[in-house]
Amino acid sequence: MSWQPHITVATIVEDQGRFLLVEERADGRNVLNQPAGHLEPDETLLEAALRETLEETGWEVELTGVTGIYLYTAPSNGVTYQRVCFAARPLRHHPTRALDDGIIGARWLTREELEAQSAHWRSHLVARCIDDYLKSERFPLSLIRVA
């Protein structure tokens, strides 16, 4: 039996106490998640985080740190994901940019507003990453190295 984790990135983008989230269609329902996605071939983790954030929200961001590295096995399909979560600040919005397939739109929510919608989280990592960010658990981008 072959086991292979899926490498993903996510971005915590905060602006004045509100967090940039993505409403998307997944597993037949609308869910909330950070801008997130899979690492593509010949792409660095930093490039993936910037790309996914732009593709899913229309926002260009500046990465400011690493919030954490998480290992998560999805109960819906048994797939294990390694998520590298970045902190970022918003730079520029492109409101007319087409978003990725399955993306309903970007939403700015406070932590409290997000909590009120916990039934719509894609996974518990949505809140966990924001909570780690709020605890100031951030590491320098130099933690990520390319060999």
N, C-alpha and C. Protein backbone atom coordinates (compact mmCIF):
# COMPACT_ATOMS: atom_id res chain seq x y z
N MET A 1 0.84 -1.18 0.00
CA MET A 1 0.00 0.00 0.00
C MET A 1 0.89 1.24 0.00
N SER A 2 0.62 2.15 -0.90
CA SER A 2 1.41 3.36 -1.00
C SER A 2 0.68 4.50 -0.29
N TRP A 3 1.42 5.22 0.53
CA TRP A 3 0.86 6.37 1.26
C TRP A 3 1.64 7.60 0.87
N GLN A 4 0.93 8.65 0.52
CA GLN A 4 1.60 9.89 0.14
C GLN A 4 0.78 11.07 0.64
N PRO A 5 1.40 11.93 1.47
CA PRO A 5 0.66 13.11 1.91
C PRO A 5 0.55 14.12 0.77
N HIS A 6 -0.47 14.93 0.85
CA HIS A 6 -0.68 16.00 -0.13
C HIS A 6 -0.18 17.30 0.51
N ILE A 7 0.71 18.00 -0.19
CA ILE A 7 1.28 19.24 0.32
C ILE A 7 0.38 20.40 -0.09
N THR A 8 -0.08 21.16 0.91
CA THR A 8 -0.94 22.30 0.64
C THR A 8 -0.41 23.54 1.36
N VAL A 9 -0.87 24.69 0.91
CA VAL A 9 -0.55 25.97 1.54
C VAL A 9 -1.86 26.66 1.88
N ALA A 10 -1.82 27.53 2.87
CA ALA A 10 -2.96 28.36 3.23
C ALA A 10 -2.42 29.70 3.67
N THR A 11 -3.23 30.73 3.56
CA THR A 11 -2.78 32.07 3.91
C THR A 11 -3.78 32.75 4.84
N ILE A 12 -3.28 33.24 5.97
CA ILE A 12 -4.07 34.04 6.90
C ILE A 12 -3.81 35.50 6.54
N VAL A 13 -4.82 36.15 5.99
CA VAL A 13 -4.72 37.55 5.61
C VAL A 13 -5.62 38.33 6.55
N GLU A 14 -5.03 39.23 7.33
CA GLU A 14 -5.80 40.02 8.29
C GLU A 14 -5.73 41.49 7.92
N ASP A 15 -6.86 42.17 8.08
CA ASP A 15 -6.92 43.61 7.88
C ASP A 15 -7.89 44.17 8.90
N GLN A 16 -7.38 44.89 9.87
CA GLN A 16 -8.17 45.56 10.90
C GLN A 16 -9.15 44.61 11.60
N GLY A 17 -8.63 43.44 11.99
CA GLY A 17 -9.43 42.50 12.76
C GLY A 17 -10.34 41.60 11.95
N ARG A 18 -10.28 41.72 10.64
CA ARG A 18 -11.08 40.85 9.78
C ARG A 18 -10.13 39.96 8.98
N PHE A 19 -10.59 38.76 8.69
CA PHE A 19 -9.77 37.78 8.01
C PHE A 19 -10.36 37.46 6.64
N LEU A 20 -9.48 37.35 5.65
CA LEU A 20 -9.89 37.03 4.29
C LEU A 20 -10.13 35.52 4.20
N LEU A 21 -11.36 35.16 3.91
CA LEU A 21 -11.74 33.76 3.77
C LEU A 21 -12.33 33.53 2.39
N VAL A 22 -12.40 32.28 2.03
CA VAL A 22 -12.95 31.88 0.74
C VAL A 22 -14.20 31.04 1.00
N GLU A 23 -15.28 31.42 0.34
CA GLU A 23 -16.46 30.56 0.34
C GLU A 23 -16.37 29.75 -0.94
N GLU A 24 -16.42 28.44 -0.79
CA GLU A 24 -16.25 27.56 -1.93
C GLU A 24 -17.19 26.38 -1.84
N ARG A 25 -17.34 25.70 -2.95
CA ARG A 25 -18.17 24.50 -3.01
C ARG A 25 -17.24 23.31 -2.88
N ALA A 26 -17.48 22.47 -1.86
CA ALA A 26 -16.65 21.27 -1.65
C ALA A 26 -17.52 20.17 -1.07
N ASP A 27 -17.38 18.99 -1.60
CA ASP A 27 -18.14 17.83 -1.13
C ASP A 27 -19.64 18.10 -1.11
N GLY A 28 -20.13 18.84 -2.11
CA GLY A 28 -21.55 19.07 -2.24
C GLY A 28 -22.14 20.13 -1.33
N ARG A 29 -21.29 20.92 -0.67
CA ARG A 29 -21.81 21.97 0.21
C ARG A 29 -20.92 23.20 0.14
N ASN A 30 -21.46 24.33 0.57
CA ASN A 30 -20.68 25.56 0.63
C ASN A 30 -19.92 25.58 1.94
N VAL A 31 -18.62 25.84 1.84
CA VAL A 31 -17.75 25.85 3.02
C VAL A 31 -16.88 27.09 3.03
N LEU A 32 -16.35 27.40 4.21
CA LEU A 32 -15.40 28.50 4.39
C LEU A 32 -14.01 27.93 4.64
N ASN A 33 -13.02 28.55 4.05
CA ASN A 33 -11.63 28.13 4.20
C ASN A 33 -10.74 29.35 4.02
N GLN A 34 -9.50 29.23 4.45
CA GLN A 34 -8.53 30.23 4.06
C GLN A 34 -8.27 30.07 2.56
N PRO A 35 -7.73 31.11 1.91
CA PRO A 35 -7.21 30.87 0.56
C PRO A 35 -6.17 29.76 0.69
N ALA A 36 -6.38 28.69 -0.05
CA ALA A 36 -5.53 27.51 0.15
C ALA A 36 -5.55 26.63 -1.09
N GLY A 37 -4.54 25.80 -1.21
CA GLY A 37 -4.51 24.87 -2.33
C GLY A 37 -3.24 24.07 -2.35
N HIS A 38 -3.13 23.25 -3.37
CA HIS A 38 -2.01 22.32 -3.49
C HIS A 38 -0.76 22.98 -4.10
N LEU A 39 0.36 22.52 -3.64
CA LEU A 39 1.65 22.88 -4.23
C LEU A 39 1.72 22.26 -5.62
N GLU A 40 2.13 23.05 -6.59
CA GLU A 40 2.26 22.55 -7.96
C GLU A 40 3.72 22.24 -8.28
N PRO A 41 3.96 21.40 -9.30
CA PRO A 41 5.35 21.06 -9.66
C PRO A 41 6.17 22.32 -9.95
N ASP A 42 7.43 22.29 -9.55
CA ASP A 42 8.39 23.38 -9.79
C ASP A 42 7.96 24.70 -9.17
N GLU A 43 7.23 24.66 -8.07
CA GLU A 43 6.75 25.85 -7.39
C GLU A 43 7.24 25.79 -5.94
N THR A 44 7.65 26.94 -5.41
CA THR A 44 8.02 26.98 -3.99
C THR A 44 6.76 27.13 -3.15
N LEU A 45 6.88 26.86 -1.87
CA LEU A 45 5.74 27.04 -0.98
C LEU A 45 5.29 28.50 -0.95
N LEU A 46 6.24 29.43 -0.98
CA LEU A 46 5.89 30.85 -0.99
C LEU A 46 5.14 31.23 -2.26
N GLU A 47 5.62 30.76 -3.40
CA GLU A 47 4.95 31.04 -4.67
C GLU A 47 3.54 30.46 -4.67
N ALA A 48 3.39 29.26 -4.12
CA ALA A 48 2.07 28.61 -4.07
C ALA A 48 1.09 29.42 -3.23
N ALA A 49 1.55 29.92 -2.08
CA ALA A 49 0.68 30.70 -1.21
C ALA A 49 0.23 31.99 -1.90
N LEU A 50 1.14 32.67 -2.55
CA LEU A 50 0.78 33.90 -3.27
C LEU A 50 -0.19 33.61 -4.42
N ARG A 51 0.09 32.56 -5.17
CA ARG A 51 -0.75 32.19 -6.32
C ARG A 51 -2.16 31.80 -5.87
N GLU A 52 -2.24 30.92 -4.88
CA GLU A 52 -3.55 30.45 -4.42
C GLU A 52 -4.39 31.62 -3.88
N THR A 53 -3.76 32.52 -3.14
CA THR A 53 -4.50 33.65 -2.60
C THR A 53 -5.06 34.51 -3.72
N LEU A 54 -4.26 34.80 -4.72
CA LEU A 54 -4.72 35.61 -5.85
C LEU A 54 -5.80 34.88 -6.64
N GLU A 55 -5.59 33.60 -6.93
CA GLU A 55 -6.55 32.85 -7.74
C GLU A 55 -7.91 32.68 -7.05
N GLU A 56 -7.89 32.57 -5.73
CA GLU A 56 -9.14 32.28 -5.01
C GLU A 56 -9.84 33.53 -4.48
N THR A 57 -9.12 34.66 -4.37
CA THR A 57 -9.73 35.85 -3.76
C THR A 57 -9.62 37.11 -4.62
N GLY A 58 -8.69 37.12 -5.58
CA GLY A 58 -8.42 38.33 -6.34
C GLY A 58 -7.53 39.31 -5.59
N TRP A 59 -6.95 38.88 -4.48
CA TRP A 59 -6.07 39.75 -3.68
C TRP A 59 -4.61 39.38 -3.86
N GLU A 60 -3.78 40.39 -4.13
CA GLU A 60 -2.34 40.25 -4.03
C GLU A 60 -1.98 40.52 -2.58
N VAL A 61 -1.09 39.70 -2.03
CA VAL A 61 -0.69 39.86 -0.64
C VAL A 61 0.82 39.81 -0.51
N GLU A 62 1.28 40.27 0.63
CA GLU A 62 2.70 40.14 0.99
C GLU A 62 2.78 39.16 2.15
N LEU A 63 3.52 38.08 1.97
CA LEU A 63 3.70 37.11 3.04
C LEU A 63 4.60 37.72 4.11
N THR A 64 4.21 37.55 5.38
CA THR A 64 4.95 38.16 6.48
C THR A 64 5.52 37.15 7.47
N GLY A 65 5.09 35.91 7.39
CA GLY A 65 5.60 34.90 8.31
C GLY A 65 4.93 33.56 8.08
N VAL A 66 5.38 32.58 8.84
CA VAL A 66 4.80 31.24 8.82
C VAL A 66 4.02 31.07 10.13
N THR A 67 2.76 30.74 10.02
CA THR A 67 1.93 30.56 11.20
C THR A 67 2.10 29.15 11.77
N GLY A 68 2.26 28.17 10.92
CA GLY A 68 2.44 26.80 11.40
C GLY A 68 2.45 25.81 10.26
N ILE A 69 2.82 24.59 10.61
CA ILE A 69 2.80 23.46 9.68
C ILE A 69 1.92 22.41 10.35
N TYR A 70 0.89 21.98 9.63
CA TYR A 70 -0.14 21.13 10.21
C TYR A 70 -0.27 19.84 9.40
N LEU A 71 -0.50 18.74 10.09
CA LEU A 71 -0.77 17.46 9.45
C LEU A 71 -2.21 17.10 9.76
N TYR A 72 -3.01 16.87 8.72
CA TYR A 72 -4.44 16.66 8.88
C TYR A 72 -4.90 15.54 7.96
N THR A 73 -5.62 14.57 8.51
CA THR A 73 -6.23 13.53 7.70
C THR A 73 -7.73 13.81 7.63
N ALA A 74 -8.21 14.04 6.42
CA ALA A 74 -9.62 14.38 6.21
C ALA A 74 -10.49 13.16 6.45
N PRO A 75 -11.47 13.28 7.35
CA PRO A 75 -12.33 12.13 7.61
C PRO A 75 -13.20 11.76 6.40
N SER A 76 -13.46 12.73 5.52
CA SER A 76 -14.34 12.47 4.37
C SER A 76 -13.71 11.53 3.34
N ASN A 77 -12.37 11.58 3.21
CA ASN A 77 -11.74 10.74 2.18
C ASN A 77 -10.49 10.00 2.65
N GLY A 78 -10.06 10.23 3.90
CA GLY A 78 -8.89 9.54 4.43
C GLY A 78 -7.57 10.06 3.90
N VAL A 79 -7.59 11.13 3.12
CA VAL A 79 -6.36 11.70 2.56
C VAL A 79 -5.67 12.54 3.62
N THR A 80 -4.35 12.40 3.70
CA THR A 80 -3.56 13.18 4.65
C THR A 80 -2.96 14.37 3.93
N TYR A 81 -3.14 15.54 4.54
CA TYR A 81 -2.65 16.80 3.99
C TYR A 81 -1.62 17.39 4.95
N GLN A 82 -0.51 17.86 4.40
CA GLN A 82 0.42 18.68 5.16
C GLN A 82 0.18 20.11 4.71
N ARG A 83 -0.27 20.93 5.65
CA ARG A 83 -0.61 22.32 5.35
C ARG A 83 0.45 23.23 5.94
N VAL A 84 1.04 24.07 5.09
CA VAL A 84 1.94 25.11 5.55
C VAL A 84 1.14 26.40 5.49
N CYS A 85 0.95 27.01 6.66
CA CYS A 85 0.09 28.18 6.75
C CYS A 85 0.94 29.45 6.92
N PHE A 86 0.67 30.43 6.09
CA PHE A 86 1.41 31.68 6.09
C PHE A 86 0.53 32.82 6.61
N ALA A 87 1.18 33.80 7.22
CA ALA A 87 0.53 35.07 7.56
C ALA A 87 0.85 36.04 6.42
N ALA A 88 -0.10 36.94 6.14
CA ALA A 88 0.11 37.89 5.04
C ALA A 88 -0.68 39.17 5.30
N ARG A 89 -0.27 40.20 4.60
CA ARG A 89 -1.04 41.44 4.64
C ARG A 89 -1.53 41.75 3.24
N PRO A 90 -2.74 42.31 3.12
CA PRO A 90 -3.29 42.60 1.80
C PRO A 90 -2.57 43.78 1.15
N LEU A 91 -2.35 43.68 -0.15
CA LEU A 91 -1.71 44.76 -0.90
C LEU A 91 -2.66 45.41 -1.89
N ARG A 92 -3.26 44.58 -2.75
CA ARG A 92 -4.04 45.14 -3.87
C ARG A 92 -5.14 44.15 -4.25
N HIS A 93 -6.34 44.68 -4.44
CA HIS A 93 -7.47 43.84 -4.85
C HIS A 93 -7.76 44.04 -6.32
N HIS A 94 -8.06 42.94 -6.99
CA HIS A 94 -8.44 42.94 -8.40
C HIS A 94 -9.88 42.42 -8.47
N PRO A 95 -10.87 43.29 -8.26
CA PRO A 95 -12.26 42.85 -8.12
C PRO A 95 -12.85 42.23 -9.38
N THR A 96 -12.29 42.51 -10.55
CA THR A 96 -12.85 41.95 -11.78
C THR A 96 -12.16 40.65 -12.20
N ARG A 97 -11.17 40.24 -11.46
CA ARG A 97 -10.44 39.01 -11.78
C ARG A 97 -11.34 37.79 -11.59
N ALA A 98 -11.34 36.89 -12.55
CA ALA A 98 -12.10 35.64 -12.43
C ALA A 98 -11.44 34.77 -11.37
N LEU A 99 -12.25 34.17 -10.51
CA LEU A 99 -11.74 33.31 -9.44
C LEU A 99 -11.77 31.85 -9.90
N ASP A 100 -11.01 31.02 -9.20
CA ASP A 100 -10.94 29.58 -9.53
C ASP A 100 -12.32 28.95 -9.57
N ASP A 101 -12.43 27.86 -10.32
CA ASP A 101 -13.66 27.08 -10.35
C ASP A 101 -14.00 26.61 -8.94
N GLY A 102 -15.26 26.64 -8.61
CA GLY A 102 -15.70 26.20 -7.30
C GLY A 102 -15.70 27.28 -6.24
N ILE A 103 -15.06 28.41 -6.55
CA ILE A 103 -15.01 29.51 -5.59
C ILE A 103 -16.26 30.37 -5.77
N ILE A 104 -16.98 30.57 -4.69
CA ILE A 104 -18.17 31.41 -4.72
C ILE A 104 -17.77 32.88 -4.54
N GLY A 105 -16.82 33.12 -3.64
CA GLY A 105 -16.33 34.47 -3.45
C GLY A 105 -15.49 34.60 -2.21
N ALA A 106 -14.86 35.74 -2.09
CA ALA A 106 -14.04 36.06 -0.92
C ALA A 106 -14.91 36.74 0.12
N ARG A 107 -14.64 36.48 1.38
CA ARG A 107 -15.39 37.06 2.49
C ARG A 107 -14.41 37.57 3.54
N TRP A 108 -14.65 38.76 4.07
CA TRP A 108 -13.87 39.28 5.20
C TRP A 108 -14.71 39.09 6.46
N LEU A 109 -14.23 38.30 7.41
CA LEU A 109 -14.97 38.00 8.63
C LEU A 109 -14.07 38.19 9.85
N THR A 110 -14.67 38.63 10.95
CA THR A 110 -13.95 38.64 12.22
C THR A 110 -13.88 37.21 12.74
N ARG A 111 -13.07 36.99 13.76
CA ARG A 111 -12.99 35.65 14.36
C ARG A 111 -14.35 35.26 14.93
N GLU A 112 -15.06 36.21 15.52
CA GLU A 112 -16.37 35.93 16.10
C GLU A 112 -17.39 35.57 15.01
N GLU A 113 -17.37 36.29 13.90
CA GLU A 113 -18.28 35.97 12.79
C GLU A 113 -17.97 34.59 12.22
N LEU A 114 -16.70 34.25 12.16
CA LEU A 114 -16.30 32.94 11.68
C LEU A 114 -16.80 31.85 12.63
N GLU A 115 -16.67 32.09 13.93
CA GLU A 115 -17.13 31.11 14.93
C GLU A 115 -18.63 30.85 14.78
N ALA A 116 -19.38 31.87 14.49
CA ALA A 116 -20.83 31.73 14.34
C ALA A 116 -21.19 30.87 13.14
N GLN A 117 -20.23 30.64 12.24
CA GLN A 117 -20.47 29.83 11.05
C GLN A 117 -19.65 28.53 11.07
N SER A 118 -19.37 28.02 12.26
CA SER A 118 -18.50 26.85 12.39
C SER A 118 -19.02 25.62 11.64
N ALA A 119 -20.31 25.51 11.45
CA ALA A 119 -20.86 24.38 10.71
C ALA A 119 -20.45 24.41 9.24
N HIS A 120 -19.95 25.55 8.78
CA HIS A 120 -19.56 25.71 7.38
C HIS A 120 -18.04 25.70 7.16
N TRP A 121 -17.27 25.41 8.21
CA TRP A 121 -15.82 25.34 8.03
C TRP A 121 -15.47 24.13 7.17
N ARG A 122 -14.50 24.30 6.31
CA ARG A 122 -14.04 23.15 5.52
C ARG A 122 -13.43 22.10 6.43
N SER A 123 -12.68 22.55 7.44
CA SER A 123 -12.14 21.67 8.47
C SER A 123 -11.86 22.51 9.71
N HIS A 124 -11.49 21.86 10.78
CA HIS A 124 -11.16 22.59 12.00
C HIS A 124 -9.90 23.43 11.84
N LEU A 125 -9.12 23.17 10.79
CA LEU A 125 -7.90 23.95 10.57
C LEU A 125 -8.20 25.41 10.25
N VAL A 126 -9.41 25.71 9.78
CA VAL A 126 -9.77 27.09 9.47
C VAL A 126 -9.61 27.95 10.73
N ALA A 127 -10.21 27.51 11.82
CA ALA A 127 -10.11 28.26 13.08
C ALA A 127 -8.74 28.07 13.74
N ARG A 128 -8.19 26.88 13.66
CA ARG A 128 -6.90 26.61 14.31
C ARG A 128 -5.81 27.54 13.78
N CYS A 129 -5.75 27.72 12.47
CA CYS A 129 -4.71 28.58 11.89
C CYS A 129 -4.91 30.04 12.30
N ILE A 130 -6.15 30.51 12.33
CA ILE A 130 -6.41 31.88 12.76
C ILE A 130 -6.07 32.04 14.24
N ASP A 131 -6.45 31.06 15.05
CA ASP A 131 -6.15 31.14 16.48
C ASP A 131 -4.64 31.15 16.73
N ASP A 132 -3.89 30.35 16.00
CA ASP A 132 -2.43 30.38 16.14
C ASP A 132 -1.88 31.73 15.71
N TYR A 133 -2.42 32.29 14.65
CA TYR A 133 -2.03 33.63 14.20
C TYR A 133 -2.30 34.65 15.30
N LEU A 134 -3.49 34.58 15.90
CA LEU A 134 -3.85 35.54 16.94
C LEU A 134 -2.99 35.41 18.20
N LYS A 135 -2.44 34.23 18.43
CA LYS A 135 -1.53 34.03 19.56
C LYS A 135 -0.12 34.53 19.23
N SER A 136 0.03 35.12 18.06
CA SER A 136 1.33 35.61 17.57
C SER A 136 2.33 34.49 17.38
N GLU A 137 1.83 33.28 17.11
CA GLU A 137 2.74 32.18 16.82
C GLU A 137 3.12 32.25 15.34
N ARG A 138 4.12 33.09 15.07
CA ARG A 138 4.59 33.26 13.70
C ARG A 138 6.09 33.06 13.66
N PHE A 139 6.52 32.45 12.59
CA PHE A 139 7.93 32.17 12.40
C PHE A 139 8.39 32.89 11.14
N PRO A 140 9.69 33.22 11.07
CA PRO A 140 10.16 33.97 9.90
C PRO A 140 10.04 33.15 8.61
N LEU A 141 9.85 33.85 7.50
CA LEU A 141 9.77 33.19 6.21
C LEU A 141 11.05 32.42 5.88
N SER A 142 12.16 32.80 6.50
CA SER A 142 13.43 32.09 6.26
C SER A 142 13.38 30.66 6.77
N LEU A 143 12.34 30.30 7.54
CA LEU A 143 12.14 28.92 7.95
C LEU A 143 11.96 28.01 6.74
N ILE A 144 11.37 28.55 5.68
CA ILE A 144 11.12 27.79 4.46
C ILE A 144 12.36 27.90 3.58
N ARG A 145 12.94 26.75 3.30
CA ARG A 145 14.16 26.72 2.49
C ARG A 145 13.97 25.83 1.27
N VAL A 146 14.62 26.18 0.21
CA VAL A 146 14.60 25.38 -1.00
C VAL A 146 15.97 24.72 -1.10
N ALA A 147 15.97 23.42 -1.21
CA ALA A 147 17.25 22.68 -1.26
C ALA A 147 17.81 22.64 -2.66
